[in-house]
Amino acid sequence: MFFIGERDEEFRRENITRVFEENRTAGALWCVTVEPKAGHEVGRVNNVILPFFEACLATRLPSSATVSLNSIEASKGWTGLRDSLELKSPGAAPGVSRVKTVWLPDEPTAKAWQTLARGQ
């Protein structure tokens, strides 16, 4: 999960975007959000980061005591389109380049990402 303030320094925006895009292209289940009217600050990121981590933990933690974590399946996550901020339900964005999208673990997190990115 990456956050970029709209008013953040250009080199920070570029570096974070580059790292995100390189790894997202390679299949990383990552998300990036540009928070409108924010600089290099915490802002309202907790509105997205807390549901994101809760959803990932709920998926990863097994229901019984075992030695390994459950895997996260990319196909079960929601897709956010970075340009339009549109959300796509699991499996509903075939053929869209990963670099143009973010991965979100569930619908509540997807809606929180969309709300933050829209500055609402």
C-alpha atoms as a PDB file:
ATOM      1  CA  MET A   1       0.000   0.000   0.000  1.00  0.00           C
ATOM      2  CA  PHE A   2       1.513   3.284  -1.161  1.00  0.00           C
ATOM      3  CA  PHE A   3       0.222   6.793  -0.533  1.00  0.00           C
ATOM      4  CA  ILE A   4       1.262   9.870  -2.443  1.00  0.00           C
ATOM      5  CA  GLY A   5       0.188  13.365  -1.502  1.00  0.00           C
ATOM      6  CA  GLU A   6      -0.986  15.394  -4.477  1.00  0.00           C
ATOM      7  CA  ARG A   7       1.192  18.242  -3.146  1.00  0.00           C
ATOM      8  CA  ASP A   8       4.148  15.997  -2.323  1.00  0.00           C
ATOM      9  CA  GLU A   9       7.554  16.749  -3.825  1.00  0.00           C
ATOM     10  CA  GLU A  10       7.787  15.712  -7.485  1.00  0.00           C
ATOM     11  CA  PHE A  11      10.736  13.375  -6.897  1.00  0.00           C
ATOM     12  CA  ARG A  12       8.745  11.511  -4.217  1.00  0.00           C
ATOM     13  CA  ARG A  13       5.700  11.153  -6.476  1.00  0.00           C
ATOM     14  CA  GLU A  14       7.902   9.881  -9.315  1.00  0.00           C
ATOM     15  CA  ASN A  15       9.901   7.445  -7.152  1.00  0.00           C
ATOM     16  CA  ILE A  16       6.859   5.933  -5.463  1.00  0.00           C
ATOM     17  CA  THR A  17       5.023   5.647  -8.785  1.00  0.00           C
ATOM     18  CA  ARG A  18       8.014   3.990 -10.455  1.00  0.00           C
ATOM     19  CA  VAL A  19       8.455   1.401  -7.684  1.00  0.00           C
ATOM     20  CA  PHE A  20       4.725   0.701  -7.662  1.00  0.00           C
ATOM     21  CA  GLU A  21       4.456   0.309 -11.444  1.00  0.00           C
ATOM     22  CA  GLU A  22       7.530  -1.928 -11.768  1.00  0.00           C
ATOM     23  CA  ASN A  23       6.288  -4.308  -9.115  1.00  0.00           C
ATOM     24  CA  ARG A  24       2.606  -4.162 -10.047  1.00  0.00           C
ATOM     25  CA  THR A  25       3.590  -5.109 -13.612  1.00  0.00           C
ATOM     26  CA  ALA A  26       5.394  -8.118 -12.151  1.00  0.00           C
ATOM     27  CA  GLY A  27       2.200  -9.188 -10.364  1.00  0.00           C
ATOM     28  CA  ALA A  28       2.535  -7.568  -6.929  1.00  0.00           C
ATOM     29  CA  LEU A  29      -0.825  -7.277  -5.162  1.00  0.00           C
ATOM     30  CA  TRP A  30      -0.200  -3.624  -4.395  1.00  0.00           C
ATOM     31  CA  CYS A  31      -2.231  -0.456  -4.236  1.00  0.00           C
ATOM     32  CA  VAL A  32      -1.277   3.210  -4.652  1.00  0.00           C
ATOM     33  CA  THR A  33      -3.421   6.186  -3.788  1.00  0.00           C
ATOM     34  CA  VAL A  34      -2.886   9.853  -4.548  1.00  0.00           C
ATOM     35  CA  GLU A  35      -4.537  11.838  -1.782  1.00  0.00           C
ATOM     36  CA  PRO A  36      -5.900  15.110  -3.161  1.00  0.00           C
ATOM     37  CA  LYS A  37      -4.825  18.339  -1.423  1.00  0.00           C
ATOM     38  CA  ALA A  38      -2.291  16.487   0.761  1.00  0.00           C
ATOM     39  CA  GLY A  39       1.453  16.863   0.969  1.00  0.00           C
ATOM     40  CA  HIS A  40       3.985  14.534   2.583  1.00  0.00           C
ATOM     41  CA  GLU A  41       1.777  13.789   5.585  1.00  0.00           C
ATOM     42  CA  VAL A  42      -0.407  11.093   7.087  1.00  0.00           C
ATOM     43  CA  GLY A  43      -3.656  12.755   5.977  1.00  0.00           C
ATOM     44  CA  ARG A  44      -6.651  10.419   5.803  1.00  0.00           C
ATOM     45  CA  VAL A  45      -4.739   7.269   4.832  1.00  0.00           C
ATOM     46  CA  ASN A  46      -6.037   5.307   7.817  1.00  0.00           C
ATOM     47  CA  ASN A  47      -9.422   5.253   6.049  1.00  0.00           C
ATOM     48  CA  VAL A  48      -7.857   2.894   3.496  1.00  0.00           C
ATOM     49  CA  ILE A  49      -4.866   1.282   5.178  1.00  0.00           C
ATOM     50  CA  LEU A  50      -6.755  -0.157   8.144  1.00  0.00           C
ATOM     51  CA  PRO A  51      -9.442  -1.932   6.068  1.00  0.00           C
ATOM     52  CA  PHE A  52      -6.736  -3.056   3.604  1.00  0.00           C
ATOM     53  CA  PHE A  53      -4.665  -4.736   6.316  1.00  0.00           C
ATOM     54  CA  GLU A  54      -7.720  -6.174   8.091  1.00  0.00           C
ATOM     55  CA  ALA A  55      -8.956  -7.761   4.855  1.00  0.00           C
ATOM     56  CA  CYS A  56      -5.511  -9.161   4.017  1.00  0.00           C
ATOM     57  CA  LEU A  57      -5.071 -10.570   7.535  1.00  0.00           C
ATOM     58  CA  ALA A  58      -8.516 -12.175   7.441  1.00  0.00           C
ATOM     59  CA  THR A  59      -7.544 -13.855   4.170  1.00  0.00           C
ATOM     60  CA  ARG A  60      -4.041 -14.902   5.225  1.00  0.00           C
ATOM     61  CA  LEU A  61      -4.674 -16.226   8.724  1.00  0.00           C
ATOM     62  CA  PRO A  62      -5.817 -19.842   8.761  1.00  0.00           C
ATOM     63  CA  SER A  63      -8.923 -20.803  10.706  1.00  0.00           C
ATOM     64  CA  SER A  64      -6.957 -23.331  12.759  1.00  0.00           C
ATOM     65  CA  ALA A  65      -3.448 -23.411  14.174  1.00  0.00           C
ATOM     66  CA  THR A  66      -1.144 -24.397  11.338  1.00  0.00           C
ATOM     67  CA  VAL A  67       2.402 -23.622  10.340  1.00  0.00           C
ATOM     68  CA  SER A  68       1.629 -21.703   7.158  1.00  0.00           C
ATOM     69  CA  LEU A  69      -0.478 -18.768   6.108  1.00  0.00           C
ATOM     70  CA  ASN A  70      -3.188 -18.962   3.474  1.00  0.00           C
ATOM     71  CA  SER A  71      -2.206 -17.479   0.132  1.00  0.00           C
ATOM     72  CA  ILE A  72      -3.916 -14.431  -1.299  1.00  0.00           C
ATOM     73  CA  GLU A  73      -5.416 -15.053  -4.723  1.00  0.00           C
ATOM     74  CA  ALA A  74      -5.148 -12.045  -7.008  1.00  0.00           C
ATOM     75  CA  SER A  75      -8.314 -13.073  -8.839  1.00  0.00           C
ATOM     76  CA  LYS A  76     -10.424 -12.673  -5.691  1.00  0.00           C
ATOM     77  CA  GLY A  77      -9.423  -9.041  -5.179  1.00  0.00           C
ATOM     78  CA  TRP A  78     -11.034  -5.911  -6.559  1.00  0.00           C
ATOM     79  CA  THR A  79      -9.372  -3.767  -9.197  1.00  0.00           C
ATOM     80  CA  GLY A  80      -9.197   0.013  -9.094  1.00  0.00           C
ATOM     81  CA  LEU A  81      -8.472   1.845 -12.332  1.00  0.00           C
ATOM     82  CA  ARG A  82      -5.860   4.495 -11.513  1.00  0.00           C
ATOM     83  CA  ASP A  83      -6.955   7.028 -14.142  1.00  0.00           C
ATOM     84  CA  SER A  84     -10.737   6.966 -13.733  1.00  0.00           C
ATOM     85  CA  LEU A  85     -10.878   5.667 -10.122  1.00  0.00           C
ATOM     86  CA  GLU A  86     -13.495   3.167 -11.322  1.00  0.00           C
ATOM     87  CA  LEU A  87     -13.827  -0.096  -9.392  1.00  0.00           C
ATOM     88  CA  LYS A  88     -14.100  -3.552 -10.922  1.00  0.00           C
ATOM     89  CA  SER A  89     -15.343  -6.584  -9.004  1.00  0.00           C
ATOM     90  CA  PRO A  90     -13.186  -9.737  -8.899  1.00  0.00           C
ATOM     91  CA  GLY A  91     -12.514 -11.051 -12.377  1.00  0.00           C
ATOM     92  CA  ALA A  92     -14.178  -8.061 -14.073  1.00  0.00           C
ATOM     93  CA  ALA A  93     -11.080  -6.334 -15.485  1.00  0.00           C
ATOM     94  CA  PRO A  94      -9.503  -8.845 -17.868  1.00  0.00           C
ATOM     95  CA  GLY A  95      -7.007  -7.431 -20.306  1.00  0.00           C
ATOM     96  CA  VAL A  96      -6.374  -4.223 -18.334  1.00  0.00           C
ATOM     97  CA  SER A  97      -2.662  -3.625 -17.834  1.00  0.00           C
ATOM     98  CA  ARG A  98      -1.657  -4.108 -14.192  1.00  0.00           C
ATOM     99  CA  VAL A  99       0.354  -0.893 -14.278  1.00  0.00           C
ATOM    100  CA  LYS A 100      -2.902   1.021 -14.830  1.00  0.00           C
ATOM    101  CA  THR A 101      -4.605  -0.616 -11.861  1.00  0.00           C
ATOM    102  CA  VAL A 102      -4.390  -1.133  -8.132  1.00  0.00           C
ATOM    103  CA  TRP A 103      -5.250  -4.363  -6.337  1.00  0.00           C
ATOM    104  CA  LEU A 104      -7.624  -4.240  -3.369  1.00  0.00           C
ATOM    105  CA  PRO A 105      -8.551  -7.222  -1.184  1.00  0.00           C
ATOM    106  CA  ASP A 106     -12.308  -6.638  -0.896  1.00  0.00           C
ATOM    107  CA  GLU A 107     -15.209  -4.316  -1.716  1.00  0.00           C
ATOM    108  CA  PRO A 108     -15.104  -2.187   1.483  1.00  0.00           C
ATOM    109  CA  THR A 109     -11.391  -1.508   0.955  1.00  0.00           C
ATOM    110  CA  ALA A 110     -11.994  -0.753  -2.725  1.00  0.00           C
ATOM    111  CA  LYS A 111     -14.663   1.795  -1.848  1.00  0.00           C
ATOM    112  CA  ALA A 112     -12.413   3.358   0.818  1.00  0.00           C
ATOM    113  CA  TRP A 113      -9.610   3.689  -1.773  1.00  0.00           C
ATOM    114  CA  GLN A 114     -11.995   5.277  -4.259  1.00  0.00           C
ATOM    115  CA  THR A 115     -13.355   7.731  -1.688  1.00  0.00           C
ATOM    116  CA  LEU A 116      -9.875   8.832  -0.602  1.00  0.00           C
ATOM    117  CA  ALA A 117      -8.600   9.139  -4.172  1.00  0.00           C
ATOM    118  CA  ARG A 118     -11.608  11.288  -5.105  1.00  0.00           C
ATOM    119  CA  GLY A 119     -10.911  13.594  -2.164  1.00  0.00           C
ATOM    120  CA  GLN A 120     -14.219  12.845  -0.476  1.00  0.00           C
END
